[in-house]
Each structure stands twice: as C-alpha cells, then as structure tokens.
C-alpha cells in the first residue's frame, strides 16, 4: 500500500462497484452500457431511463450481485453442518432459561435424537427453531446496570 498498490479486494471488488456507482450517478450512458453489456445483464428500458439514478443502480446491482444468492452461499459455506451439533448443544437449544433438559416432557426429550439426525424422511418430525435477536444498548444489559 505504501507504494501506491491497492489491496486485492479493492482491485477486484470495490473498484468495480465504485465505478458502476460513479457512472450511474454521473449519468454516463456510454460507460453504463459498457458495464451492463460486459456483465451480460438485461436492464429494462424503463429502469435505464428512470429519472432517479438509484432505481437504475438498484436494477443493475440486483442482477449483477443478487443479495439472496450471496446470503445463501455465505450460509452454506460458513455455517457448520447441523449434523455436527453436539448433544449438549441440542439440550441447550431445547431448554429455555433456567429449565433443564431432564425437566422437559418425555415427548419433547424424544425429539433430541430426531434433532441430531436432521432426517428428511416423511415420518421424521418437523423441528423448527425460531430465534429472535435484536440490538440492545450495552447499558441496558443486567451486568452493566448500577447496583
């Protein structure tokens, strides 16, 4: 970087996004057409001639770098397989708060083996885990409250 060289991520990813953004915001029709044809995208005439450049930018980016594909591939590549989960982790996921796994009803405890198998058979029970996460100010956490 000290010699004026850019990091590889900047060269291969960010420079391309910035040049697209700059071309759309400056309304450089020739450069936009060149980018769209080189990427093999099909932008409708309505979107390409819209008065708001954000509409055109959104149309190009949603075809070039679709968010759904990026998130799905990231989840597949980075999250561990559910088959690798430990029995202790399953018990923690099935128990809420101070409850222990042994205090759950027998029918619920039987789901532990199905949870660990991740079977897709028609006779296997369907298990859904809903997790609600939301941002909380650090001062609102119990360990940060004044006593």
N, C-alpha and C. Protein backbone atom coordinates (compact mmCIF):
# COMPACT_ATOMS: atom_id res chain seq x y z
N UNK A 1 0.82 -1.19 0.00
CA UNK A 1 0.00 0.00 0.00
C UNK A 1 0.86 1.25 0.00
N UNK A 2 2.04 1.18 0.61
CA UNK A 2 2.91 2.35 0.68
C UNK A 2 3.43 2.73 -0.70
N UNK A 3 3.51 1.80 -1.63
CA UNK A 3 4.00 2.06 -2.99
C UNK A 3 2.86 2.42 -3.94
N UNK A 4 1.66 2.65 -3.41
CA UNK A 4 0.53 3.01 -4.25
C UNK A 4 -0.25 1.82 -4.77
N UNK A 5 0.09 0.63 -4.36
CA UNK A 5 -0.64 -0.55 -4.79
C UNK A 5 -1.88 -0.71 -3.92
N UNK A 6 -2.95 -1.13 -4.54
CA UNK A 6 -4.20 -1.34 -3.81
C UNK A 6 -4.28 -2.79 -3.36
N UNK A 7 -4.97 -3.03 -2.24
CA UNK A 7 -5.21 -4.42 -1.83
C UNK A 7 -6.03 -5.15 -2.91
N UNK A 8 -5.89 -6.44 -2.96
CA UNK A 8 -6.56 -7.26 -3.97
C UNK A 8 -8.08 -7.11 -3.92
N UNK A 9 -8.65 -7.05 -2.73
CA UNK A 9 -10.11 -6.90 -2.59
C UNK A 9 -10.57 -5.59 -3.22
N UNK A 10 -9.81 -4.54 -3.02
CA UNK A 10 -10.16 -3.24 -3.59
C UNK A 10 -10.08 -3.30 -5.11
N UNK A 11 -9.03 -3.91 -5.63
CA UNK A 11 -8.85 -4.00 -7.08
C UNK A 11 -9.94 -4.82 -7.75
N UNK A 12 -10.28 -5.95 -7.17
CA UNK A 12 -11.21 -6.88 -7.84
C UNK A 12 -12.68 -6.62 -7.53
N UNK A 13 -12.98 -6.06 -6.37
CA UNK A 13 -14.37 -5.92 -5.98
C UNK A 13 -14.79 -4.45 -5.86
N UNK A 14 -14.16 -3.74 -4.95
CA UNK A 14 -14.62 -2.39 -4.65
C UNK A 14 -14.47 -1.42 -5.81
N UNK A 15 -13.37 -1.50 -6.55
CA UNK A 15 -13.20 -0.60 -7.70
C UNK A 15 -14.31 -0.77 -8.72
N UNK A 16 -14.73 -2.01 -8.95
CA UNK A 16 -15.82 -2.27 -9.90
C UNK A 16 -17.14 -1.69 -9.40
N UNK A 17 -17.43 -1.85 -8.12
CA UNK A 17 -18.67 -1.31 -7.57
C UNK A 17 -18.63 0.21 -7.60
N UNK A 18 -17.50 0.80 -7.24
CA UNK A 18 -17.38 2.26 -7.24
C UNK A 18 -17.50 2.83 -8.65
N UNK A 19 -16.91 2.17 -9.63
CA UNK A 19 -17.00 2.68 -11.00
C UNK A 19 -18.44 2.60 -11.51
N UNK A 20 -19.16 1.55 -11.18
CA UNK A 20 -20.57 1.44 -11.54
C UNK A 20 -21.37 2.55 -10.87
N UNK A 21 -21.15 2.74 -9.59
CA UNK A 21 -21.87 3.76 -8.83
C UNK A 21 -21.60 5.15 -9.41
N UNK A 22 -20.34 5.43 -9.70
CA UNK A 22 -19.96 6.73 -10.25
C UNK A 22 -20.59 6.95 -11.63
N UNK A 23 -20.58 5.93 -12.47
CA UNK A 23 -21.15 6.05 -13.81
C UNK A 23 -22.65 6.31 -13.75
N UNK A 24 -23.34 5.64 -12.85
CA UNK A 24 -24.79 5.81 -12.75
C UNK A 24 -25.12 7.19 -12.17
N UNK A 25 -24.40 7.60 -11.15
CA UNK A 25 -24.69 8.89 -10.52
C UNK A 25 -24.35 10.07 -11.44
N UNK A 26 -23.33 9.92 -12.28
CA UNK A 26 -22.96 10.98 -13.22
C UNK A 26 -23.71 10.88 -14.55
N UNK A 27 -24.54 9.86 -14.68
CA UNK A 27 -25.34 9.62 -15.88
C UNK A 27 -24.48 9.46 -17.13
N UNK A 28 -23.40 8.71 -17.00
CA UNK A 28 -22.51 8.43 -18.13
C UNK A 28 -23.08 7.23 -18.89
N UNK A 29 -23.94 7.54 -19.86
CA UNK A 29 -24.68 6.50 -20.59
C UNK A 29 -23.74 5.50 -21.27
N UNK A 30 -22.66 5.98 -21.89
CA UNK A 30 -21.73 5.09 -22.58
C UNK A 30 -21.07 4.11 -21.64
N UNK A 31 -20.63 4.59 -20.51
CA UNK A 31 -19.96 3.72 -19.53
C UNK A 31 -20.93 2.72 -18.92
N UNK A 32 -22.16 3.19 -18.67
CA UNK A 32 -23.19 2.29 -18.10
C UNK A 32 -23.49 1.17 -19.09
N UNK A 33 -23.67 1.52 -20.36
CA UNK A 33 -23.95 0.50 -21.38
C UNK A 33 -22.80 -0.50 -21.49
N UNK A 34 -21.57 0.00 -21.41
CA UNK A 34 -20.41 -0.88 -21.49
C UNK A 34 -20.37 -1.85 -20.31
N UNK A 35 -20.68 -1.34 -19.10
CA UNK A 35 -20.68 -2.19 -17.90
C UNK A 35 -21.78 -3.23 -18.00
N UNK A 36 -22.97 -2.80 -18.40
CA UNK A 36 -24.12 -3.72 -18.49
C UNK A 36 -23.86 -4.82 -19.52
N UNK A 37 -23.31 -4.46 -20.68
CA UNK A 37 -23.05 -5.49 -21.70
C UNK A 37 -21.90 -6.41 -21.29
N UNK A 38 -20.89 -5.86 -20.63
CA UNK A 38 -19.77 -6.72 -20.21
C UNK A 38 -20.19 -7.70 -19.12
N UNK A 39 -21.17 -7.31 -18.32
CA UNK A 39 -21.67 -8.21 -17.27
C UNK A 39 -22.76 -9.16 -17.80
N UNK A 40 -23.26 -8.89 -19.00
CA UNK A 40 -24.29 -9.73 -19.59
C UNK A 40 -25.65 -9.56 -18.92
N UNK A 41 -25.95 -8.34 -18.50
CA UNK A 41 -27.22 -8.07 -17.82
C UNK A 41 -28.26 -7.56 -18.81
N UNK A 42 -29.52 -7.71 -18.45
CA UNK A 42 -30.62 -7.20 -19.25
C UNK A 42 -31.42 -6.23 -18.40
N UNK A 43 -31.18 -4.94 -18.61
CA UNK A 43 -31.88 -3.90 -17.86
C UNK A 43 -33.00 -3.36 -18.74
N UNK A 44 -34.21 -3.27 -18.19
CA UNK A 44 -35.34 -2.79 -18.98
C UNK A 44 -35.17 -1.31 -19.32
N UNK A 45 -35.80 -0.90 -20.39
CA UNK A 45 -35.71 0.50 -20.83
C UNK A 45 -36.30 1.43 -19.78
N UNK A 46 -37.32 0.97 -19.12
CA UNK A 46 -37.96 1.79 -18.08
C UNK A 46 -36.98 2.10 -16.95
N UNK A 47 -36.24 1.08 -16.52
CA UNK A 47 -35.28 1.28 -15.43
C UNK A 47 -34.06 2.07 -15.88
N UNK A 48 -33.60 1.83 -17.11
CA UNK A 48 -32.40 2.53 -17.58
C UNK A 48 -32.66 4.00 -17.87
N UNK A 49 -33.91 4.38 -18.13
CA UNK A 49 -34.22 5.77 -18.43
C UNK A 49 -34.94 6.47 -17.29
N UNK A 50 -34.99 5.85 -16.13
CA UNK A 50 -35.68 6.43 -14.97
C UNK A 50 -34.96 7.70 -14.51
N UNK A 51 -35.72 8.66 -14.00
CA UNK A 51 -35.15 9.93 -13.55
C UNK A 51 -34.29 9.77 -12.31
N UNK A 52 -34.64 8.80 -11.49
CA UNK A 52 -33.88 8.58 -10.25
C UNK A 52 -32.74 7.60 -10.52
N UNK A 53 -31.48 8.02 -10.33
CA UNK A 53 -30.36 7.11 -10.62
C UNK A 53 -30.32 5.91 -9.67
N UNK A 54 -30.93 6.03 -8.52
CA UNK A 54 -30.94 4.91 -7.57
C UNK A 54 -31.73 3.73 -8.11
N UNK A 55 -32.76 4.01 -8.88
CA UNK A 55 -33.55 2.94 -9.49
C UNK A 55 -32.69 2.15 -10.48
N UNK A 56 -31.93 2.88 -11.29
CA UNK A 56 -31.06 2.24 -12.26
C UNK A 56 -29.95 1.45 -11.56
N UNK A 57 -29.37 2.03 -10.53
CA UNK A 57 -28.32 1.35 -9.77
C UNK A 57 -28.86 0.09 -9.11
N UNK A 58 -30.06 0.17 -8.56
CA UNK A 58 -30.68 -0.99 -7.93
C UNK A 58 -30.95 -2.09 -8.96
N UNK A 59 -31.41 -1.71 -10.15
CA UNK A 59 -31.70 -2.69 -11.20
C UNK A 59 -30.43 -3.42 -11.63
N UNK A 60 -29.34 -2.68 -11.78
CA UNK A 60 -28.08 -3.30 -12.21
C UNK A 60 -27.51 -4.19 -11.11
N UNK A 61 -27.47 -3.66 -9.88
CA UNK A 61 -26.87 -4.43 -8.77
C UNK A 61 -27.70 -5.66 -8.41
N UNK A 62 -29.02 -5.58 -8.52
CA UNK A 62 -29.84 -6.74 -8.16
C UNK A 62 -29.65 -7.89 -9.14
N UNK A 63 -29.25 -7.59 -10.37
CA UNK A 63 -28.95 -8.67 -11.32
C UNK A 63 -27.49 -9.10 -11.25
N UNK A 64 -26.61 -8.15 -11.03
CA UNK A 64 -25.18 -8.44 -11.00
C UNK A 64 -24.77 -9.14 -9.72
N UNK A 65 -25.20 -8.61 -8.59
CA UNK A 65 -24.85 -9.15 -7.28
C UNK A 65 -26.11 -9.39 -6.46
N UNK A 66 -26.91 -10.41 -6.80
CA UNK A 66 -28.16 -10.63 -6.08
C UNK A 66 -27.90 -10.98 -4.61
N UNK A 67 -28.58 -10.28 -3.73
CA UNK A 67 -28.39 -10.46 -2.30
C UNK A 67 -28.77 -11.86 -1.85
N UNK A 68 -29.84 -12.42 -2.40
CA UNK A 68 -30.28 -13.74 -1.96
C UNK A 68 -29.23 -14.80 -2.25
N UNK A 69 -28.60 -14.74 -3.41
CA UNK A 69 -27.55 -15.70 -3.74
C UNK A 69 -26.34 -15.54 -2.84
N UNK A 70 -25.98 -14.30 -2.56
CA UNK A 70 -24.82 -14.04 -1.70
C UNK A 70 -25.05 -14.55 -0.28
N UNK A 71 -26.23 -14.30 0.26
CA UNK A 71 -26.53 -14.74 1.62
C UNK A 71 -26.59 -16.27 1.68
N UNK A 72 -27.25 -16.89 0.71
CA UNK A 72 -27.35 -18.35 0.71
C UNK A 72 -25.99 -19.01 0.59
N UNK A 73 -25.14 -18.52 -0.29
CA UNK A 73 -23.81 -19.13 -0.44
C UNK A 73 -22.97 -18.90 0.81
N UNK A 74 -23.11 -17.73 1.45
CA UNK A 74 -22.38 -17.47 2.69
C UNK A 74 -22.84 -18.43 3.80
N UNK A 75 -24.13 -18.64 3.91
CA UNK A 75 -24.66 -19.54 4.93
C UNK A 75 -24.17 -20.96 4.67
N UNK A 76 -24.20 -21.40 3.42
CA UNK A 76 -23.76 -22.75 3.08
C UNK A 76 -22.27 -22.95 3.32
N UNK A 77 -21.48 -21.92 3.06
CA UNK A 77 -20.03 -22.05 3.18
C UNK A 77 -19.51 -21.82 4.60
N UNK A 78 -20.17 -20.98 5.38
CA UNK A 78 -19.62 -20.57 6.67
C UNK A 78 -20.26 -21.23 7.89
N UNK A 79 -21.55 -21.53 7.82
CA UNK A 79 -22.20 -22.12 8.99
C UNK A 79 -21.87 -23.61 9.08
N UNK A 80 -21.66 -24.09 10.30
CA UNK A 80 -21.37 -25.52 10.44
C UNK A 80 -22.60 -26.37 10.10
N UNK A 81 -22.36 -27.59 9.72
CA UNK A 81 -23.44 -28.50 9.39
C UNK A 81 -24.24 -28.82 10.64
N UNK A 82 -25.57 -28.89 10.51
CA UNK A 82 -26.38 -29.26 11.68
C UNK A 82 -26.10 -30.68 12.16
N UNK A 83 -25.54 -31.52 11.29
CA UNK A 83 -25.21 -32.89 11.70
C UNK A 83 -24.03 -32.93 12.66
N UNK A 84 -23.24 -31.86 12.73
CA UNK A 84 -22.08 -31.82 13.60
C UNK A 84 -22.39 -31.30 15.00
N UNK A 85 -23.65 -31.05 15.30
CA UNK A 85 -24.02 -30.48 16.59
C UNK A 85 -23.85 -31.51 17.70
N UNK A 86 -23.43 -31.05 18.86
CA UNK A 86 -23.23 -31.96 19.99
C UNK A 86 -24.53 -32.13 20.77
N UNK A 87 -24.61 -33.19 21.53
CA UNK A 87 -25.81 -33.47 22.33
C UNK A 87 -26.06 -32.38 23.36
N UNK A 88 -24.98 -31.85 23.94
CA UNK A 88 -25.12 -30.79 24.93
C UNK A 88 -25.71 -29.53 24.31
N UNK A 89 -25.30 -29.24 23.09
CA UNK A 89 -25.81 -28.04 22.39
C UNK A 89 -27.29 -28.22 22.07
N UNK A 90 -27.70 -29.41 21.68
CA UNK A 90 -29.11 -29.67 21.40
C UNK A 90 -29.94 -29.45 22.66
N UNK A 91 -29.43 -29.94 23.78
CA UNK A 91 -30.16 -29.77 25.04
C UNK A 91 -30.28 -28.30 25.41
N UNK A 92 -29.23 -27.52 25.16
CA UNK A 92 -29.30 -26.08 25.45
C UNK A 92 -30.30 -25.38 24.54
N UNK A 93 -30.36 -25.78 23.27
CA UNK A 93 -31.31 -25.17 22.35
C UNK A 93 -32.76 -25.52 22.70
N UNK A 94 -32.97 -26.71 23.25
CA UNK A 94 -34.32 -27.15 23.57
C UNK A 94 -34.81 -26.61 24.90
N UNK A 95 -33.93 -26.16 25.75
CA UNK A 95 -34.30 -25.66 27.07
C UNK A 95 -34.23 -24.14 27.08
N UNK A 96 -35.23 -23.53 27.67
CA UNK A 96 -35.29 -22.08 27.76
C UNK A 96 -35.07 -21.65 29.20
N UNK A 97 -34.18 -20.69 29.38
CA UNK A 97 -33.96 -20.13 30.70
C UNK A 97 -33.35 -21.13 31.66
N UNK A 98 -33.84 -21.13 32.91
CA UNK A 98 -33.24 -21.98 33.93
C UNK A 98 -33.69 -23.45 33.87
N UNK A 99 -34.58 -23.80 32.96
CA UNK A 99 -35.05 -25.19 32.86
C UNK A 99 -33.92 -26.11 32.43
N UNK A 100 -33.98 -27.33 32.90
CA UNK A 100 -33.00 -28.34 32.49
C UNK A 100 -33.66 -29.29 31.49
N UNK A 101 -32.85 -29.98 30.75
CA UNK A 101 -33.36 -30.91 29.75
C UNK A 101 -34.17 -32.03 30.39
N UNK A 102 -33.75 -32.47 31.56
CA UNK A 102 -34.45 -33.56 32.25
C UNK A 102 -35.84 -33.16 32.72
N UNK A 103 -36.10 -31.86 32.85
CA UNK A 103 -37.42 -31.41 33.31
C UNK A 103 -38.43 -31.31 32.18
N UNK A 104 -37.99 -31.50 30.94
CA UNK A 104 -38.91 -31.45 29.80
C UNK A 104 -39.77 -32.70 29.75
N UNK A 105 -40.95 -32.62 29.14
CA UNK A 105 -41.80 -33.81 28.99
C UNK A 105 -41.08 -34.88 28.16
N UNK A 106 -41.43 -36.15 28.39
CA UNK A 106 -40.77 -37.24 27.65
C UNK A 106 -40.90 -37.12 26.13
N UNK A 107 -42.04 -36.62 25.66
CA UNK A 107 -42.24 -36.46 24.22
C UNK A 107 -41.23 -35.45 23.64
N UNK A 108 -40.98 -34.41 24.39
CA UNK A 108 -40.03 -33.38 23.94
C UNK A 108 -38.60 -33.92 23.98
N UNK A 109 -38.28 -34.70 25.02
CA UNK A 109 -36.93 -35.26 25.12
C UNK A 109 -36.65 -36.25 23.99
N UNK A 110 -37.72 -36.92 23.49
CA UNK A 110 -37.54 -37.86 22.38
C UNK A 110 -37.16 -37.14 21.08
N UNK A 111 -37.46 -35.85 21.00
CA UNK A 111 -37.11 -35.08 19.80
C UNK A 111 -35.61 -34.85 19.67
N UNK A 112 -34.87 -35.06 20.76
CA UNK A 112 -33.42 -34.83 20.73
C UNK A 112 -32.75 -35.68 19.65
N UNK A 113 -33.11 -36.94 19.57
CA UNK A 113 -32.47 -37.81 18.56
C UNK A 113 -32.86 -37.39 17.15
N UNK A 114 -34.11 -36.98 16.96
CA UNK A 114 -34.54 -36.50 15.64
C UNK A 114 -33.84 -35.20 15.29
N UNK A 115 -33.62 -34.37 16.29
CA UNK A 115 -32.92 -33.09 16.11
C UNK A 115 -31.50 -33.35 15.63
N UNK A 116 -30.85 -34.35 16.21
CA UNK A 116 -29.45 -34.63 15.87
C UNK A 116 -29.30 -35.35 14.53
N UNK A 117 -30.32 -36.09 14.10
CA UNK A 117 -30.25 -36.82 12.83
C UNK A 117 -30.50 -35.91 11.62
N UNK A 118 -31.31 -34.87 11.79
CA UNK A 118 -31.69 -33.96 10.69
C UNK A 118 -32.25 -34.76 9.52
N UNK A 119 -33.11 -35.70 9.80
CA UNK A 119 -33.65 -36.57 8.77
C UNK A 119 -34.69 -35.84 7.93
N UNK A 120 -34.73 -36.15 6.64
CA UNK A 120 -35.72 -35.55 5.74
C UNK A 120 -36.78 -36.57 5.34
N UNK A 121 -36.86 -37.67 6.06
CA UNK A 121 -37.85 -38.70 5.76
C UNK A 121 -39.25 -38.15 6.06
N UNK A 122 -40.23 -38.72 5.39
CA UNK A 122 -41.61 -38.28 5.59
C UNK A 122 -42.14 -38.56 6.99
N UNK A 123 -41.58 -39.58 7.66
CA UNK A 123 -42.05 -39.94 9.00
C UNK A 123 -41.30 -39.17 10.10
N UNK A 124 -40.24 -38.49 9.75
CA UNK A 124 -39.46 -37.74 10.75
C UNK A 124 -40.24 -36.50 11.17
N UNK A 125 -40.14 -36.15 12.45
CA UNK A 125 -40.85 -34.95 12.91
C UNK A 125 -40.20 -33.68 12.34
N UNK A 126 -41.02 -32.68 12.15
CA UNK A 126 -40.53 -31.39 11.66
C UNK A 126 -40.18 -30.55 12.88
N UNK A 127 -38.94 -30.10 12.93
CA UNK A 127 -38.48 -29.30 14.06
C UNK A 127 -38.10 -27.93 13.54
N UNK A 128 -38.66 -26.90 14.17
CA UNK A 128 -38.39 -25.53 13.76
C UNK A 128 -37.81 -24.80 14.96
N UNK A 129 -36.71 -24.10 14.73
CA UNK A 129 -36.09 -23.30 15.78
C UNK A 129 -36.22 -21.84 15.40
N UNK A 130 -36.90 -21.07 16.22
CA UNK A 130 -37.10 -19.65 15.96
C UNK A 130 -36.23 -18.87 16.95
N UNK A 131 -35.40 -18.03 16.40
CA UNK A 131 -34.52 -17.22 17.23
C UNK A 131 -34.81 -15.75 16.94
N UNK A 132 -35.12 -15.00 17.97
CA UNK A 132 -35.36 -13.58 17.80
C UNK A 132 -34.20 -12.84 18.41
N UNK A 133 -33.52 -12.08 17.57
CA UNK A 133 -32.38 -11.30 18.05
C UNK A 133 -32.65 -9.84 17.75
N UNK A 134 -32.30 -8.98 18.68
CA UNK A 134 -32.46 -7.55 18.46
C UNK A 134 -31.37 -6.80 19.20
N UNK A 135 -31.08 -5.62 18.69
CA UNK A 135 -29.99 -4.82 19.26
C UNK A 135 -30.45 -4.19 20.58
N UNK A 136 -29.57 -4.26 21.55
CA UNK A 136 -29.84 -3.68 22.86
C UNK A 136 -28.64 -2.83 23.24
N UNK A 137 -28.93 -1.67 23.81
CA UNK A 137 -27.85 -0.81 24.29
C UNK A 137 -27.11 -1.54 25.40
N UNK A 138 -25.80 -1.43 25.41
CA UNK A 138 -24.97 -2.13 26.40
C UNK A 138 -25.33 -1.73 27.83
N UNK A 139 -25.80 -0.51 28.03
CA UNK A 139 -26.16 -0.05 29.37
C UNK A 139 -27.41 -0.74 29.89
N UNK A 140 -28.23 -1.29 28.98
CA UNK A 140 -29.47 -1.95 29.38
C UNK A 140 -29.26 -3.39 29.82
N UNK A 141 -28.08 -3.96 29.57
CA UNK A 141 -27.81 -5.34 29.96
C UNK A 141 -27.68 -5.44 31.48
N UNK A 142 -28.13 -6.55 32.06
CA UNK A 142 -28.15 -6.67 33.52
C UNK A 142 -26.79 -6.51 34.17
N UNK A 143 -25.73 -6.99 33.55
CA UNK A 143 -24.42 -6.92 34.18
C UNK A 143 -23.83 -5.50 34.12
N UNK A 144 -24.45 -4.59 33.35
CA UNK A 144 -23.96 -3.23 33.26
C UNK A 144 -24.79 -2.23 34.07
N UNK A 145 -25.86 -2.72 34.70
CA UNK A 145 -26.72 -1.81 35.46
C UNK A 145 -26.07 -1.49 36.82
N UNK A 146 -26.22 -0.25 37.27
CA UNK A 146 -25.67 0.10 38.59
C UNK A 146 -26.43 -0.65 39.67
N UNK A 147 -25.71 -1.02 40.72
CA UNK A 147 -26.35 -1.77 41.81
C UNK A 147 -26.69 -0.86 42.96
